[in-house]
Structure formats: structure tokens, C-alpha cells
Amino acid sequence: MNMPGSNRGASLRAAHRGCRLHGGAAILGGSTILTLLACSLAAQTAAKPDAAASRAAFVQFYRVLTSPRCQNCHPAGDAPLQGDDSHVHLQNVERGADGHGVTAMRCDTCHQAANLPGAHLPPGNPRWSLPSPGNKMVFAGRLPRELCRQIKDPKQNGGRSLEKLLDHVANDDLVGWGWNPGDGRTLPPLSRADTVEQMKIWIAGGAACPE
């Protein structure tokens, strides 16, 4: 899959090859130190994405955030969404004071510790819930620039730095359910590994937001 920023590794290797060649010539010419400094700068430049690459990477990340597997648990209202069409959850389920539902309609009434076998049966995770009402972290309906600004704001993302946000997407088991959603559910448009790679490019380029 050719994603924005995927040529960074090739650029870096090319910079290193060029530096080795010029470095050999510099030793013969007595300019080794200057050449090494120039090579180091070239390698750093090749490795660091610019703001345009950062914005392009976020657009790819945004496609995942607004896929049903993510946005269904990040709704604008207080009812979770369901299905690949992101319809409002049946049975009148509500967020509740802690994000785990209300009274007899608590999330773990139907959602167990793991996906139930069979197409479209209740998915599961020990921590199945919505974000709390005090920090809803809404994805559904957000424009790319809106979601970008929101998701990197610690006041709106659960107090996470960009590094902690990356770790959350890369390693959190409930987030990981999105790529293991059970039978009958469409996967996000990028794999988890590709999503993390796009996040890394976005962050390395300054976490720039689309216009």
C-alpha cells in the first residue's frame, strides 16, 4: 500500500548511500568532517516529513477515525451507533454517567469479554463502553480539520500527549477491537500497523491539521 510518506525510508537510504560515496571522496580530499556534517543534515531532512506530508497523513488517519468501527463508539449524541451504516443503537441504549450505560441496559448486559461467534452478534471486550459524558471525544460528523484539532487537544482527548495518543492507538486492547470486530462487520480502511505509521508521520511533521 503506497501511503503518503511511504517513500521516507527510500529517501533516507538514498541519502546514506550518497553520503558514503561523498564521504570516501572527502577522506581523500581532507574534508571528512564537513562532509559528515552535510550528510547528517541531509539524512535528518530526508527523515523528517514536512507540514504537507503531516496533513496528508492525518487525512489517512481520519479515514480510520470516521469508519464505523471507530465512530460508532464516538457519537455526537448519548446513544452509541451500530452497523456499517452507523445507525443509532437499538434497544434505546444510552451513554450513562460513566459511559457504561444505565440501569438494566448496562453495556456488559449484552457485550461480553469477547466477540460472540456468528455474524452480527454482540461484539465484546472487558472494557466495552463509550467515553464518559464529561469527555465525549466525538468523531462522528467532524470535519478533518475539526477532528484534528480536537484529537490533539489534551483537554478533549483524555489528557493525552501526542506520544500517549500514538501509544493508545497502537496498543490499547479496546481500540484494537476495531481491527477484530467479529463476523459481518467491515474493517477500517487501513490496517492497524498502517494507521500507526500514518500517525507517526503526522506527529513527526508537527501534527499539522488540514485546512
Foldseek 3Di string as FASTA:
>chain_A
DDAQVPCLVVQLVVLVVVLVVVLVVCVVVVNNVVSVVVSVVSNVVSNFDALVSLASLLVLLLLQCQFCLHQQLQAPAFFGFDARVRHGDPPPFGLDQAQQTDDCRGVCNQAPCAQDADAPGHGHRPPDGHHGPCASLHSPPDDQQRNLVQCCDCSRPVNDHLVVSLCCLQPPVSNVCLQVVHHHGDHRPDDSVSSSVSSVNNVSNPSHTDD
